[in-house]
Amino acid sequence: MYMDIQIIDTETCKPVPDIWVEIWHTNSTGVCSGIVSSTNGVGGVDPSNVFNTFRRGLQKTNAQGVVWFGSKLNGHYSGRSPHIHIMTHVAGTAALANGTIENNIATHAFVENKQDPYFH
């Protein structure tokens, strides 16, 4: 699966560069990395999963406000259809040495209907 995500300023209709875009989603069996939950994937609790980072990504938009991610198709977990989480981080976001980011303003969107023409 390939995802091109472009961030556009809704007031000016211009691309927004230097915005951190974070994505995460489940693997094919519905397991989401970094989460320990009985609803995660096929059931059961795996405490070691809290240290996993698969199917997650973080990039900064280029001059055209675009990031590109490559991943594999995701599955569903209990009570949810397959979906992808997308979060943007602005206003003083800093990349930390441990691979995480620090900021106090974020926007979170997630796509549940991949057939929706808006997302094509």
PDB file of N, CA and C in Angstrom:
ATOM      1  N   MET A   1       0.863  -1.156   0.000  1.00  0.00           N
ATOM      2  CA  MET A   1       0.000   0.000   0.000  1.00  0.00           C
ATOM      3  C   MET A   1       0.914   1.225   0.000  1.00  0.00           C
ATOM      4  N   TYR A   2       0.588   2.185  -0.862  1.00  0.00           N
ATOM      5  CA  TYR A   2       1.340   3.434  -0.951  1.00  0.00           C
ATOM      6  C   TYR A   2       0.424   4.595  -0.601  1.00  0.00           C
ATOM      7  N   MET A   3       0.918   5.495   0.220  1.00  0.00           N
ATOM      8  CA  MET A   3       0.117   6.641   0.633  1.00  0.00           C
ATOM      9  C   MET A   3       0.891   7.926   0.370  1.00  0.00           C
ATOM     10  N   ASP A   4       0.332   8.794  -0.432  1.00  0.00           N
ATOM     11  CA  ASP A   4       0.835  10.153  -0.611  1.00  0.00           C
ATOM     12  C   ASP A   4      -0.110  11.057   0.161  1.00  0.00           C
ATOM     13  N   ILE A   5       0.404  11.775   1.125  1.00  0.00           N
ATOM     14  CA  ILE A   5      -0.422  12.648   1.952  1.00  0.00           C
ATOM     15  C   ILE A   5       0.087  14.073   1.769  1.00  0.00           C
ATOM     16  N   GLN A   6      -0.815  14.984   1.419  1.00  0.00           N
ATOM     17  CA  GLN A   6      -0.432  16.380   1.254  1.00  0.00           C
ATOM     18  C   GLN A   6      -1.204  17.230   2.257  1.00  0.00           C
ATOM     19  N   ILE A   7      -0.498  18.111   2.927  1.00  0.00           N
ATOM     20  CA  ILE A   7      -1.099  19.023   3.890  1.00  0.00           C
ATOM     21  C   ILE A   7      -1.282  20.378   3.198  1.00  0.00           C
ATOM     22  N   ILE A   8      -2.536  20.857   3.179  1.00  0.00           N
ATOM     23  CA  ILE A   8      -2.895  22.104   2.511  1.00  0.00           C
ATOM     24  C   ILE A   8      -3.490  23.066   3.538  1.00  0.00           C
ATOM     25  N   ASP A   9      -3.075  24.308   3.504  1.00  0.00           N
ATOM     26  CA  ASP A   9      -3.663  25.355   4.340  1.00  0.00           C
ATOM     27  C   ASP A   9      -5.056  25.659   3.797  1.00  0.00           C
ATOM     28  N   THR A  10      -6.088  25.477   4.602  1.00  0.00           N
ATOM     29  CA  THR A  10      -7.467  25.659   4.130  1.00  0.00           C
ATOM     30  C   THR A  10      -7.829  27.122   3.889  1.00  0.00           C
ATOM     31  N   GLU A  11      -7.054  28.043   4.428  1.00  0.00           N
ATOM     32  CA  GLU A  11      -7.338  29.462   4.187  1.00  0.00           C
ATOM     33  C   GLU A  11      -6.676  29.976   2.912  1.00  0.00           C
ATOM     34  N   THR A  12      -5.478  29.462   2.605  1.00  0.00           N
ATOM     35  CA  THR A  12      -4.740  29.961   1.438  1.00  0.00           C
ATOM     36  C   THR A  12      -4.719  28.970   0.277  1.00  0.00           C
ATOM     37  N   CYS A  13      -5.103  27.727   0.537  1.00  0.00           N
ATOM     38  CA  CYS A  13      -5.037  26.630  -0.449  1.00  0.00           C
ATOM     39  C   CYS A  13      -3.606  26.354  -0.904  1.00  0.00           C
ATOM     40  N   LYS A  14      -2.623  26.723  -0.086  1.00  0.00           N
ATOM     41  CA  LYS A  14      -1.220  26.474  -0.410  1.00  0.00           C
ATOM     42  C   LYS A  14      -0.697  25.301   0.412  1.00  0.00           C
ATOM     43  N   PRO A  15       0.278  24.560  -0.137  1.00  0.00           N
ATOM     44  CA  PRO A  15       0.888  23.460   0.612  1.00  0.00           C
ATOM     45  C   PRO A  15       1.570  23.970   1.877  1.00  0.00           C
ATOM     46  N   VAL A  16       1.615  23.113   2.896  1.00  0.00           N
ATOM     47  CA  VAL A  16       2.248  23.478   4.162  1.00  0.00           C
ATOM     48  C   VAL A  16       3.492  22.606   4.361  1.00  0.00           C
ATOM     49  N   PRO A  17       4.690  23.194   4.229  1.00  0.00           N
ATOM     50  CA  PRO A  17       5.914  22.425   4.444  1.00  0.00           C
ATOM     51  C   PRO A  17       6.251  22.307   5.927  1.00  0.00           C
ATOM     52  N   ASP A  18       7.137  21.376   6.233  1.00  0.00           N
ATOM     53  CA  ASP A  18       7.709  21.207   7.578  1.00  0.00           C
ATOM     54  C   ASP A  18       6.685  20.867   8.653  1.00  0.00           C
ATOM     55  N   ILE A  19       5.663  20.098   8.279  1.00  0.00           N
ATOM     56  CA  ILE A  19       4.687  19.579   9.245  1.00  0.00           C
ATOM     57  C   ILE A  19       5.001  18.101   9.466  1.00  0.00           C
ATOM     58  N   TRP A  20       5.074  17.671  10.708  1.00  0.00           N
ATOM     59  CA  TRP A  20       5.299  16.253  10.991  1.00  0.00           C
ATOM     60  C   TRP A  20       3.993  15.501  10.787  1.00  0.00           C
ATOM     61  N   VAL A  21       4.032  14.438   9.994  1.00  0.00           N
ATOM     62  CA  VAL A  21       2.870  13.580   9.746  1.00  0.00           C
ATOM     63  C   VAL A  21       3.196  12.197  10.298  1.00  0.00           C
ATOM     64  N   GLU A  22       2.348  11.726  11.182  1.00  0.00           N
ATOM     65  CA  GLU A  22       2.530  10.433  11.840  1.00  0.00           C
ATOM     66  C   GLU A  22       1.386   9.520  11.417  1.00  0.00           C
ATOM     67  N   ILE A  23       1.702   8.272  11.054  1.00  0.00           N
ATOM     68  CA  ILE A  23       0.653   7.300  10.742  1.00  0.00           C
ATOM     69  C   ILE A  23       0.871   6.041  11.569  1.00  0.00           C
ATOM     70  N   TRP A  24      -0.217   5.322  11.817  1.00  0.00           N
ATOM     71  CA  TRP A  24      -0.117   3.987  12.407  1.00  0.00           C
ATOM     72  C   TRP A  24      -1.371   3.212  12.063  1.00  0.00           C
ATOM     73  N   HIS A  25      -1.202   1.904  11.956  1.00  0.00           N
ATOM     74  CA  HIS A  25      -2.326   1.014  11.681  1.00  0.00           C
ATOM     75  C   HIS A  25      -1.944  -0.406  12.081  1.00  0.00           C
ATOM     76  N   THR A  26      -2.921  -1.285  12.036  1.00  0.00           N
ATOM     77  CA  THR A  26      -2.709  -2.667  12.447  1.00  0.00           C
ATOM     78  C   THR A  26      -1.992  -3.464  11.365  1.00  0.00           C
ATOM     79  N   ASN A  27      -1.512  -4.647  11.758  1.00  0.00           N
ATOM     80  CA  ASN A  27      -0.996  -5.578  10.760  1.00  0.00           C
ATOM     81  C   ASN A  27      -2.176  -6.352  10.163  1.00  0.00           C
ATOM     82  N   SER A  28      -1.915  -7.372   9.365  1.00  0.00           N
ATOM     83  CA  SER A  28      -2.993  -8.079   8.663  1.00  0.00           C
ATOM     84  C   SER A  28      -3.937  -8.826   9.597  1.00  0.00           C
ATOM     85  N   THR A  29      -3.498  -9.134  10.818  1.00  0.00           N
ATOM     86  CA  THR A  29      -4.365  -9.833  11.768  1.00  0.00           C
ATOM     87  C   THR A  29      -4.998  -8.893  12.789  1.00  0.00           C
ATOM     88  N   GLY A  30      -4.838  -7.587  12.600  1.00  0.00           N
ATOM     89  CA  GLY A  30      -5.498  -6.622  13.470  1.00  0.00           C
ATOM     90  C   GLY A  30      -4.733  -6.238  14.712  1.00  0.00           C
ATOM     91  N   VAL A  31      -3.448  -6.589  14.774  1.00  0.00           N
ATOM     92  CA  VAL A  31      -2.634  -6.226  15.930  1.00  0.00           C
ATOM     93  C   VAL A  31      -1.972  -4.878  15.667  1.00  0.00           C
ATOM     94  N   CYS A  32      -2.110  -3.968  16.619  1.00  0.00           N
ATOM     95  CA  CYS A  32      -1.498  -2.641  16.530  1.00  0.00           C
ATOM     96  C   CYS A  32      -0.285  -2.610  17.461  1.00  0.00           C
ATOM     97  N   SER A  33       0.871  -2.254  16.933  1.00  0.00           N
ATOM     98  CA  SER A  33       2.087  -2.245  17.746  1.00  0.00           C
ATOM     99  C   SER A  33       1.998  -1.204  18.857  1.00  0.00           C
ATOM    100  N   GLY A  34       2.694  -1.496  19.952  1.00  0.00           N
ATOM    101  CA  GLY A  34       2.757  -0.557  21.058  1.00  0.00           C
ATOM    102  C   GLY A  34       1.552  -0.572  21.971  1.00  0.00           C
ATOM    103  N   ILE A  35       0.619  -1.493  21.724  1.00  0.00           N
ATOM    104  CA  ILE A  35      -0.620  -1.539  22.502  1.00  0.00           C
ATOM    105  C   ILE A  35      -0.802  -2.936  23.087  1.00  0.00           C
ATOM    106  N   VAL A  36      -1.147  -2.996  24.353  1.00  0.00           N
ATOM    107  CA  VAL A  36      -1.476  -4.259  25.002  1.00  0.00           C
ATOM    108  C   VAL A  36      -2.946  -4.203  25.363  1.00  0.00           C
ATOM    109  N   SER A  37      -3.759  -5.002  24.658  1.00  0.00           N
ATOM    110  CA  SER A  37      -5.208  -4.973  24.862  1.00  0.00           C
ATOM    111  C   SER A  37      -5.815  -6.295  24.422  1.00  0.00           C
ATOM    112  N   SER A  38      -6.859  -6.725  25.098  1.00  0.00           N
ATOM    113  CA  SER A  38      -7.546  -7.963  24.711  1.00  0.00           C
ATOM    114  C   SER A  38      -8.295  -7.801  23.399  1.00  0.00           C
ATOM    115  N   THR A  39      -8.550  -6.567  22.955  1.00  0.00           N
ATOM    116  CA  THR A  39      -9.238  -6.344  21.677  1.00  0.00           C
ATOM    117  C   THR A  39      -8.247  -6.186  20.529  1.00  0.00           C
ATOM    118  N   ASN A  40      -6.975  -6.291  20.821  1.00  0.00           N
ATOM    119  CA  ASN A  40      -5.928  -6.106  19.816  1.00  0.00           C
ATOM    120  C   ASN A  40      -5.761  -7.383  19.000  1.00  0.00           C
ATOM    121  N   GLY A  41      -6.177  -7.368  17.742  1.00  0.00           N
ATOM    122  CA  GLY A  41      -5.981  -8.509  16.855  1.00  0.00           C
ATOM    123  C   GLY A  41      -6.889  -9.668  17.158  1.00  0.00           C
ATOM    124  N   VAL A  42      -6.309 -10.856  17.173  1.00  0.00           N
ATOM    125  CA  VAL A  42      -7.088 -12.087  17.300  1.00  0.00           C
ATOM    126  C   VAL A  42      -7.417 -12.444  18.747  1.00  0.00           C
ATOM    127  N   GLY A  43      -7.147 -11.578  19.668  1.00  0.00           N
ATOM    128  CA  GLY A  43      -7.482 -11.817  21.068  1.00  0.00           C
ATOM    129  C   GLY A  43      -6.250 -12.180  21.879  1.00  0.00           C
ATOM    130  N   GLY A  44      -6.424 -12.215  23.170  1.00  0.00           N
ATOM    131  CA  GLY A  44      -5.300 -12.492  24.045  1.00  0.00           C
ATOM    132  C   GLY A  44      -4.509 -11.227  24.316  1.00  0.00           C
ATOM    133  N   VAL A  45      -3.689 -11.279  25.331  1.00  0.00           N
ATOM    134  CA  VAL A  45      -2.880 -10.125  25.713  1.00  0.00           C
ATOM    135  C   VAL A  45      -1.415 -10.515  25.605  1.00  0.00           C
ATOM    136  N   ASP A  46      -0.644  -9.738  24.874  1.00  0.00           N
ATOM    137  CA  ASP A  46       0.783  -9.979  24.702  1.00  0.00           C
ATOM    138  C   ASP A  46       1.547  -8.777  25.253  1.00  0.00           C
ATOM    139  N   PRO A  47       2.017  -8.861  26.508  1.00  0.00           N
ATOM    140  CA  PRO A  47       2.704  -7.723  27.120  1.00  0.00           C
ATOM    141  C   PRO A  47       3.931  -7.245  26.340  1.00  0.00           C
ATOM    142  N   SER A  48       4.592  -8.137  25.604  1.00  0.00           N
ATOM    143  CA  SER A  48       5.792  -7.733  24.863  1.00  0.00           C
ATOM    144  C   SER A  48       5.463  -6.816  23.685  1.00  0.00           C
ATOM    145  N   ASN A  49       4.196  -6.764  23.266  1.00  0.00           N
ATOM    146  CA  ASN A  49       3.803  -5.931  22.127  1.00  0.00           C
ATOM    147  C   ASN A  49       3.985  -4.440  22.406  1.00  0.00           C
ATOM    148  N   VAL A  50       4.038  -4.058  23.672  1.00  0.00           N
ATOM    149  CA  VAL A  50       4.182  -2.642  24.019  1.00  0.00           C
ATOM    150  C   VAL A  50       5.505  -2.073  23.481  1.00  0.00           C
ATOM    151  N   PHE A  51       6.478  -2.936  23.220  1.00  0.00           N
ATOM    152  CA  PHE A  51       7.784  -2.487  22.732  1.00  0.00           C
ATOM    153  C   PHE A  51       7.901  -2.532  21.205  1.00  0.00           C
ATOM    154  N   ASN A  52       6.869  -3.011  20.505  1.00  0.00           N
ATOM    155  CA  ASN A  52       6.905  -3.110  19.046  1.00  0.00           C
ATOM    156  C   ASN A  52       6.566  -1.778  18.386  1.00  0.00           C
ATOM    157  N   THR A  53       7.067  -1.585  17.171  1.00  0.00           N
ATOM    158  CA  THR A  53       6.818  -0.337  16.442  1.00  0.00           C
ATOM    159  C   THR A  53       6.404  -0.576  14.993  1.00  0.00           C
ATOM    160  N   PHE A  54       5.995  -1.807  14.660  1.00  0.00           N
ATOM    161  CA  PHE A  54       5.631  -2.081  13.269  1.00  0.00           C
ATOM    162  C   PHE A  54       4.392  -1.300  12.850  1.00  0.00           C
ATOM    163  N   ARG A  55       4.291  -1.026  11.553  1.00  0.00           N
ATOM    164  CA  ARG A  55       3.182  -0.310  10.906  1.00  0.00           C
ATOM    165  C   ARG A  55       2.989   1.103  11.459  1.00  0.00           C
ATOM    166  N   ARG A  56       4.101   1.737  11.790  1.00  0.00           N
ATOM    167  CA  ARG A  56       4.094   3.122  12.256  1.00  0.00           C
ATOM    168  C   ARG A  56       5.102   3.917  11.439  1.00  0.00           C
ATOM    169  N   GLY A  57       4.820   5.191  11.228  1.00  0.00           N
ATOM    170  CA  GLY A  57       5.753   6.015  10.478  1.00  0.00           C
ATOM    171  C   GLY A  57       5.633   7.476  10.861  1.00  0.00           C
ATOM    172  N   LEU A  58       6.708   8.217  10.631  1.00  0.00           N
ATOM    173  CA  LEU A  58       6.757   9.639  10.955  1.00  0.00           C
ATOM    174  C   LEU A  58       7.667  10.320   9.942  1.00  0.00           C
ATOM    175  N   GLN A  59       7.143  11.344   9.275  1.00  0.00           N
ATOM    176  CA  GLN A  59       7.928  12.102   8.310  1.00  0.00           C
ATOM    177  C   GLN A  59       7.520  13.568   8.358  1.00  0.00           C
ATOM    178  N   LYS A  60       8.427  14.419   7.887  1.00  0.00           N
ATOM    179  CA  LYS A  60       8.133  15.847   7.783  1.00  0.00           C
ATOM    180  C   LYS A  60       7.781  16.164   6.331  1.00  0.00           C
ATOM    181  N   THR A  61       6.742  16.994   6.119  1.00  0.00           N
ATOM    182  CA  THR A  61       6.336  17.347   4.758  1.00  0.00           C
ATOM    183  C   THR A  61       7.445  18.120   4.046  1.00  0.00           C
ATOM    184  N   ASN A  62       7.506  17.903   2.719  1.00  0.00           N
ATOM    185  CA  ASN A  62       8.493  18.606   1.899  1.00  0.00           C
ATOM    186  C   ASN A  62       7.964  19.992   1.511  1.00  0.00           C
ATOM    187  N   ALA A  63       8.631  20.660   0.592  1.00  0.00           N
ATOM    188  CA  ALA A  63       8.238  22.020   0.181  1.00  0.00           C
ATOM    189  C   ALA A  63       6.839  22.071  -0.422  1.00  0.00           C
ATOM    190  N   GLN A  64       6.378  20.939  -0.971  1.00  0.00           N
ATOM    191  CA  GLN A  64       5.027  20.861  -1.538  1.00  0.00           C
ATOM    192  C   GLN A  64       3.999  20.368  -0.515  1.00  0.00           C
ATOM    193  N   GLY A  65       4.416  20.231   0.745  1.00  0.00           N
ATOM    194  CA  GLY A  65       3.513  19.778   1.793  1.00  0.00           C
ATOM    195  C   GLY A  65       3.197  18.298   1.727  1.00  0.00           C
ATOM    196  N   VAL A  66       4.071  17.510   1.090  1.00  0.00           N
ATOM    197  CA  VAL A  66       3.793  16.094   0.830  1.00  0.00           C
ATOM    198  C   VAL A  66       4.721  15.188   1.632  1.00  0.00           C
ATOM    199  N   VAL A  67       4.151  14.082   2.110  1.00  0.00           N
ATOM    200  CA  VAL A  67       4.917  12.954   2.644  1.00  0.00           C
ATOM    201  C   VAL A  67       4.457  11.707   1.913  1.00  0.00           C
ATOM    202  N   TRP A  68       5.307  10.705   1.875  1.00  0.00           N
ATOM    203  CA  TRP A  68       4.993   9.451   1.213  1.00  0.00           C
ATOM    204  C   TRP A  68       5.293   8.316   2.170  1.00  0.00           C
ATOM    205  N   PHE A  69       4.339   7.389   2.304  1.00  0.00           N
ATOM    206  CA  PHE A  69       4.531   6.215   3.142  1.00  0.00           C
ATOM    207  C   PHE A  69       4.258   4.961   2.328  1.00  0.00           C
ATOM    208  N   GLY A  70       5.034   3.937   2.555  1.00  0.00           N
ATOM    209  CA  GLY A  70       4.771   2.617   2.004  1.00  0.00           C
ATOM    210  C   GLY A  70       4.519   1.674   3.163  1.00  0.00           C
ATOM    211  N   SER A  71       3.512   0.822   3.059  1.00  0.00           N
ATOM    212  CA  SER A  71       3.188  -0.104   4.138  1.00  0.00           C
ATOM    213  C   SER A  71       2.513  -1.324   3.542  1.00  0.00           C
ATOM    214  N   LYS A  72       1.951  -2.152   4.384  1.00  0.00           N
ATOM    215  CA  LYS A  72       1.199  -3.326   3.954  1.00  0.00           C
ATOM    216  C   LYS A  72      -0.245  -3.147   4.378  1.00  0.00           C
ATOM    217  N   LEU A  73      -1.148  -3.832   3.682  1.00  0.00           N
ATOM    218  CA  LEU A  73      -2.571  -3.706   4.009  1.00  0.00           C
ATOM    219  C   LEU A  73      -2.827  -4.107   5.447  1.00  0.00           C
ATOM    220  N   ASN A  74      -3.745  -3.404   6.068  1.00  0.00           N
ATOM    221  CA  ASN A  74      -4.050  -3.637   7.474  1.00  0.00           C
ATOM    222  C   ASN A  74      -5.322  -4.453   7.648  1.00  0.00           C
ATOM    223  N   GLY A  75      -5.441  -5.064   8.813  1.00  0.00           N
ATOM    224  CA  GLY A  75      -6.640  -5.814   9.172  1.00  0.00           C
ATOM    225  C   GLY A  75      -7.467  -5.039  10.176  1.00  0.00           C
ATOM    226  N   HIS A  76      -8.502  -5.691  10.674  1.00  0.00           N
ATOM    227  CA  HIS A  76      -9.372  -5.029  11.653  1.00  0.00           C
ATOM    228  C   HIS A  76      -9.115  -5.608  13.038  1.00  0.00           C
ATOM    229  N   TYR A  77      -9.520  -4.860  14.042  1.00  0.00           N
ATOM    230  CA  TYR A  77      -9.521  -5.394  15.396  1.00  0.00           C
ATOM    231  C   TYR A  77     -10.937  -5.330  15.924  1.00  0.00           C
ATOM    232  N   SER A  78     -11.158  -5.892  17.077  1.00  0.00           N
ATOM    233  CA  SER A  78     -12.498  -6.065  17.629  1.00  0.00           C
ATOM    234  C   SER A  78     -13.307  -4.770  17.607  1.00  0.00           C
ATOM    235  N   GLY A  79     -14.450  -4.812  16.905  1.00  0.00           N
ATOM    236  CA  GLY A  79     -15.379  -3.698  16.896  1.00  0.00           C
ATOM    237  C   GLY A  79     -15.061  -2.586  15.914  1.00  0.00           C
ATOM    238  N   ARG A  80     -14.030  -2.718  15.100  1.00  0.00           N
ATOM    239  CA  ARG A  80     -13.633  -1.648  14.175  1.00  0.00           C
ATOM    240  C   ARG A  80     -13.352  -2.220  12.793  1.00  0.00           C
ATOM    241  N   SER A  81     -13.684  -1.448  11.776  1.00  0.00           N
ATOM    242  CA  SER A  81     -13.297  -1.817  10.416  1.00  0.00           C
ATOM    243  C   SER A  81     -11.833  -1.415  10.209  1.00  0.00           C
ATOM    244  N   PRO A  82     -11.164  -1.961   9.181  1.00  0.00           N
ATOM    245  CA  PRO A  82      -9.782  -1.545   8.928  1.00  0.00           C
ATOM    246  C   PRO A  82      -9.703  -0.028   8.724  1.00  0.00           C
ATOM    247  N   HIS A  83      -8.717   0.597   9.314  1.00  0.00           N
ATOM    248  CA  HIS A  83      -8.557   2.042   9.203  1.00  0.00           C
ATOM    249  C   HIS A  83      -7.097   2.416   9.441  1.00  0.00           C
ATOM    250  N   ILE A  84      -6.751   3.625   9.075  1.00  0.00           N
ATOM    251  CA  ILE A  84      -5.397   4.144   9.245  1.00  0.00           C
ATOM    252  C   ILE A  84      -5.491   5.449  10.031  1.00  0.00           C
ATOM    253  N   HIS A  85      -4.679   5.562  11.063  1.00  0.00           N
ATOM    254  CA  HIS A  85      -4.623   6.794  11.847  1.00  0.00           C
ATOM    255  C   HIS A  85      -3.590   7.726  11.224  1.00  0.00           C
ATOM    256  N   ILE A  86      -3.946   8.988  11.117  1.00  0.00           N
ATOM    257  CA  ILE A  86      -3.034  10.014  10.611  1.00  0.00           C
ATOM    258  C   ILE A  86      -3.084  11.182  11.586  1.00  0.00           C
ATOM    259  N   MET A  87      -1.926  11.567  12.097  1.00  0.00           N
ATOM    260  CA  MET A  87      -1.860  12.691  13.020  1.00  0.00           C
ATOM    261  C   MET A  87      -0.805  13.672  12.523  1.00  0.00           C
ATOM    262  N   THR A  88      -1.128  14.961  12.552  1.00  0.00           N
ATOM    263  CA  THR A  88      -0.151  15.981  12.188  1.00  0.00           C
ATOM    264  C   THR A  88       0.279  16.742  13.431  1.00  0.00           C
ATOM    265  N   HIS A  89       1.523  17.173  13.424  1.00  0.00           N
ATOM    266  CA  HIS A  89       2.092  17.886  14.566  1.00  0.00           C
ATOM    267  C   HIS A  89       2.728  19.181  14.073  1.00  0.00           C
ATOM    268  N   VAL A  90       2.362  20.284  14.702  1.00  0.00           N
ATOM    269  CA  VAL A  90       2.875  21.602  14.301  1.00  0.00           C
ATOM    270  C   VAL A  90       3.281  22.402  15.528  1.00  0.00           C
ATOM    271  N   ALA A  91       3.679  23.630  15.321  1.00  0.00           N
ATOM    272  CA  ALA A  91       3.922  24.613  16.387  1.00  0.00           C
ATOM    273  C   ALA A  91       4.914  24.130  17.433  1.00  0.00           C
ATOM    274  N   GLY A  92       6.156  24.057  17.046  1.00  0.00           N
ATOM    275  CA  GLY A  92       7.197  23.726  18.010  1.00  0.00           C
ATOM    276  C   GLY A  92       7.465  22.250  18.166  1.00  0.00           C
ATOM    277  N   THR A  93       7.043  21.430  17.228  1.00  0.00           N
ATOM    278  CA  THR A  93       7.325  20.001  17.293  1.00  0.00           C
ATOM    279  C   THR A  93       8.823  19.776  17.165  1.00  0.00           C
ATOM    280  N   ALA A  94       9.350  18.888  17.984  1.00  0.00           N
ATOM    281  CA  ALA A  94      10.774  18.570  17.930  1.00  0.00           C
ATOM    282  C   ALA A  94      10.954  17.061  17.876  1.00  0.00           C
ATOM    283  N   ALA A  95      11.862  16.606  17.025  1.00  0.00           N
ATOM    284  CA  ALA A  95      12.206  15.183  16.976  1.00  0.00           C
ATOM    285  C   ALA A  95      13.190  14.907  18.112  1.00  0.00           C
ATOM    286  N   LEU A  96      12.916  13.861  18.891  1.00  0.00           N
ATOM    287  CA  LEU A  96      13.771  13.514  20.019  1.00  0.00           C
ATOM    288  C   LEU A  96      14.729  12.392  19.632  1.00  0.00           C
ATOM    289  N   ALA A  97      15.789  12.215  20.384  1.00  0.00           N
ATOM    290  CA  ALA A  97      16.813  11.215  20.080  1.00  0.00           C
ATOM    291  C   ALA A  97      16.273   9.787  20.086  1.00  0.00           C
ATOM    292  N   ASN A  98      15.202   9.528  20.836  1.00  0.00           N
ATOM    293  CA  ASN A  98      14.659   8.171  20.925  1.00  0.00           C
ATOM    294  C   ASN A  98      13.672   7.851  19.807  1.00  0.00           C
ATOM    295  N   GLY A  99      13.539   8.734  18.794  1.00  0.00           N
ATOM    296  CA  GLY A  99      12.657   8.468  17.664  1.00  0.00           C
ATOM    297  C   GLY A  99      11.231   8.936  17.863  1.00  0.00           C
ATOM    298  N   THR A 100      10.932   9.555  18.990  1.00  0.00           N
ATOM    299  CA  THR A 100       9.593  10.095  19.228  1.00  0.00           C
ATOM    300  C   THR A 100       9.613  11.599  18.957  1.00  0.00           C
ATOM    301  N   ILE A 101       8.455  12.214  19.072  1.00  0.00           N
ATOM    302  CA  ILE A 101       8.383  13.655  18.870  1.00  0.00           C
ATOM    303  C   ILE A 101       7.730  14.313  20.072  1.00  0.00           C
ATOM    304  N   GLU A 102       7.990  15.606  20.208  1.00  0.00           N
ATOM    305  CA  GLU A 102       7.454  16.362  21.331  1.00  0.00           C
ATOM    306  C   GLU A 102       6.746  17.599  20.793  1.00  0.00           C
ATOM    307  N   ASN A 103       5.483  17.765  21.166  1.00  0.00           N
ATOM    308  CA  ASN A 103       4.761  19.001  20.850  1.00  0.00           C
ATOM    309  C   ASN A 103       3.494  19.061  21.677  1.00  0.00           C
ATOM    310  N   ASN A 104       2.768  20.167  21.579  1.00  0.00           N
ATOM    311  CA  ASN A 104       1.548  20.307  22.360  1.00  0.00           C
ATOM    312  C   ASN A 104       0.326  20.580  21.496  1.00  0.00           C
ATOM    313  N   ILE A 105       0.463  20.578  20.164  1.00  0.00           N
ATOM    314  CA  ILE A 105      -0.674  20.781  19.268  1.00  0.00           C
ATOM    315  C   ILE A 105      -0.658  19.682  18.217  1.00  0.00           C
ATOM    316  N   ALA A 106      -1.754  18.958  18.084  1.00  0.00           N
ATOM    317  CA  ALA A 106      -1.817  17.871  17.104  1.00  0.00           C
ATOM    318  C   ALA A 106      -3.220  17.782  16.533  1.00  0.00           C
ATOM    319  N   THR A 107      -3.314  17.265  15.316  1.00  0.00           N
ATOM    320  CA  THR A 107      -4.594  16.993  14.670  1.00  0.00           C
ATOM    321  C   THR A 107      -4.612  15.534  14.291  1.00  0.00           C
ATOM    322  N   HIS A 108      -5.663  14.825  14.676  1.00  0.00           N
ATOM    323  CA  HIS A 108      -5.754  13.387  14.445  1.00  0.00           C
ATOM    324  C   HIS A 108      -6.932  13.094  13.531  1.00  0.00           C
ATOM    325  N   ALA A 109      -6.666  12.408  12.428  1.00  0.00           N
ATOM    326  CA  ALA A 109      -7.725  11.981  11.503  1.00  0.00           C
ATOM    327  C   ALA A 109      -7.534  10.507  11.230  1.00  0.00           C
ATOM    328  N   PHE A 110      -8.624   9.793  10.979  1.00  0.00           N
ATOM    329  CA  PHE A 110      -8.466   8.407  10.563  1.00  0.00           C
ATOM    330  C   PHE A 110      -9.483   8.066   9.498  1.00  0.00           C
ATOM    331  N   VAL A 111      -9.043   7.207   8.584  1.00  0.00           N
ATOM    332  CA  VAL A 111      -9.818   6.854   7.395  1.00  0.00           C
ATOM    333  C   VAL A 111     -10.392   5.463   7.586  1.00  0.00           C
ATOM    334  N   GLU A 112     -11.715   5.336   7.593  1.00  0.00           N
ATOM    335  CA  GLU A 112     -12.329   4.026   7.729  1.00  0.00           C
ATOM    336  C   GLU A 112     -12.872   3.505   6.413  1.00  0.00           C
ATOM    337  N   ASN A 113     -13.265   4.375   5.499  1.00  0.00           N
ATOM    338  CA  ASN A 113     -13.828   3.933   4.224  1.00  0.00           C
ATOM    339  C   ASN A 113     -12.833   4.247   3.121  1.00  0.00           C
ATOM    340  N   LYS A 114     -11.977   3.255   2.799  1.00  0.00           N
ATOM    341  CA  LYS A 114     -10.952   3.475   1.789  1.00  0.00           C
ATOM    342  C   LYS A 114     -11.548   3.597   0.396  1.00  0.00           C
ATOM    343  N   GLN A 115     -12.825   3.298   0.224  1.00  0.00           N
ATOM    344  CA  GLN A 115     -13.476   3.434  -1.077  1.00  0.00           C
ATOM    345  C   GLN A 115     -14.005   4.849  -1.299  1.00  0.00           C
ATOM    346  N   ASP A 116     -14.003   5.657  -0.271  1.00  0.00           N
ATOM    347  CA  ASP A 116     -14.478   7.032  -0.381  1.00  0.00           C
ATOM    348  C   ASP A 116     -13.610   7.786  -1.385  1.00  0.00           C
ATOM    349  N   PRO A 117     -14.202   8.373  -2.445  1.00  0.00           N
ATOM    350  CA  PRO A 117     -13.411   9.054  -3.471  1.00  0.00           C
ATOM    351  C   PRO A 117     -12.560  10.200  -2.932  1.00  0.00           C
ATOM    352  N   TYR A 118     -12.922  10.743  -1.770  1.00  0.00           N
ATOM    353  CA  TYR A 118     -12.152  11.828  -1.170  1.00  0.00           C
ATOM    354  C   TYR A 118     -10.721  11.395  -0.874  1.00  0.00           C
ATOM    355  N   PHE A 119     -10.551  10.106  -0.571  1.00  0.00           N
ATOM    356  CA  PHE A 119      -9.240   9.603  -0.177  1.00  0.00           C
ATOM    357  C   PHE A 119      -8.485   8.948  -1.320  1.00  0.00           C
ATOM    358  N   HIS A 120      -8.944   9.097  -2.555  1.00  0.00           N
ATOM    359  CA  HIS A 120      -8.236   8.519  -3.715  1.00  0.00           C
ATOM    360  C   HIS A 120      -7.447   9.573  -4.415  1.00  0.00           C
TER     361      HIS A 120
END
